[in-house]
Amino acid sequence: MNYINVSRATVADLQPRNRLYAYNGDRLYVARIGNCDDWAAYKGSVNQSLDVVADCGIKIGEEEAVRLFGVCKEAKLNYRW
């Protein structure tokens, strides 16, 4: 997978199957870009790998996800529940 730090991500980076990541304290967050102009975000521990958080992390709510991954909202992607 192609992981991009959210602090360096641009709208052009938001291609299907790409993933963004961010650290916040002891949490790791991963946003998965979908194939239908959608996305979802998951959280896990900083001790977990990016792949583990993306595949098995706890899904977070849209409000928290947009705060962390504002570029997804800027790109007008729909949050996937």
Protein backbone atom coordinates (compact mmCIF):
# COMPACT_ATOMS: atom_id res chain seq x y z
CA MET A 1 0.00 0.00 0.00
CA ASN A 2 0.98 3.58 -0.55
CA TYR A 3 0.99 5.40 2.82
CA ILE A 4 1.27 9.19 2.87
CA ASN A 5 1.72 11.32 5.97
CA VAL A 6 -1.35 13.56 6.18
CA SER A 7 0.84 16.61 6.79
CA ARG A 8 2.27 16.18 3.27
CA ALA A 9 -0.88 14.94 1.51
CA THR A 10 -2.54 16.90 -1.28
CA VAL A 11 -5.87 16.40 -3.04
CA ALA A 12 -3.95 14.82 -5.94
CA ASP A 13 -2.67 12.11 -3.56
CA LEU A 14 -6.19 10.89 -2.78
CA GLN A 15 -6.34 8.10 -5.30
CA PRO A 16 -8.28 4.86 -4.69
CA ARG A 17 -6.48 2.44 -2.38
CA ASN A 18 -4.02 5.06 -1.12
CA ARG A 19 -3.80 5.51 2.63
CA LEU A 20 -3.02 8.50 4.81
CA TYR A 21 -1.67 8.32 8.35
CA ALA A 22 -1.30 10.57 11.36
CA TYR A 23 0.04 10.23 14.88
CA ASN A 24 -1.65 11.90 17.84
CA GLY A 25 -0.17 11.11 21.24
CA ASP A 26 -0.21 7.35 21.75
CA ARG A 27 -2.62 6.82 18.84
CA LEU A 28 -2.02 6.04 15.20
CA TYR A 29 -4.74 6.93 12.68
CA VAL A 30 -5.06 5.63 9.14
CA ALA A 31 -7.46 6.88 6.47
CA ARG A 32 -8.28 4.48 3.65
CA ILE A 33 -9.31 6.01 0.33
CA GLY A 34 -12.02 3.94 -1.36
CA ASN A 35 -12.94 3.30 -4.98
CA CYS A 36 -16.23 5.24 -4.97
CA ASP A 37 -15.12 8.75 -3.97
CA ASP A 38 -15.27 7.68 -0.35
CA TRP A 39 -13.00 7.17 2.62
CA ALA A 40 -12.92 5.90 6.20
CA ALA A 41 -10.52 6.31 9.13
CA TYR A 42 -9.36 3.91 11.81
CA LYS A 43 -7.37 4.22 15.01
CA GLY A 44 -4.93 1.99 16.84
CA SER A 45 -1.88 2.11 19.03
CA VAL A 46 1.42 3.63 17.90
CA ASN A 47 2.84 0.17 18.67
CA GLN A 48 0.85 -1.31 15.78
CA SER A 49 1.87 -1.21 12.14
CA LEU A 50 0.10 0.99 9.59
CA ASP A 51 -1.32 -2.12 7.91
CA VAL A 52 -2.72 -3.52 11.16
CA VAL A 53 -4.47 -0.24 12.00
CA ALA A 54 -5.82 0.10 8.45
CA ASP A 55 -7.15 -3.48 8.39
CA CYS A 56 -8.10 -4.12 12.03
CA GLY A 57 -8.27 -0.71 13.73
CA ILE A 58 -11.29 0.84 15.41
CA LYS A 59 -13.32 2.95 13.02
CA ILE A 60 -13.65 6.55 14.16
CA GLY A 61 -16.54 8.96 13.68
CA GLU A 62 -16.69 11.39 10.81
CA GLU A 63 -16.16 14.52 12.92
CA GLU A 64 -12.93 13.22 14.44
CA ALA A 65 -11.79 11.84 11.06
CA VAL A 66 -12.29 15.19 9.31
CA ARG A 67 -10.30 16.97 12.05
CA LEU A 68 -7.40 14.61 11.40
CA PHE A 69 -7.72 14.21 7.63
CA GLY A 70 -9.16 17.52 6.40
CA VAL A 71 -7.70 16.98 2.95
CA CYS A 72 -10.33 14.26 2.40
CA LYS A 73 -13.11 16.77 3.02
CA GLU A 74 -11.30 19.28 0.81
CA ALA A 75 -11.36 16.65 -1.95
CA LYS A 76 -15.14 16.25 -1.40
CA LEU A 77 -14.86 12.55 -0.59
CA ASN A 78 -17.80 10.99 1.28
CA TYR A 79 -17.14 9.45 4.68
CA ARG A 80 -17.95 5.74 4.58
CA TRP A 81 -19.87 4.35 7.55
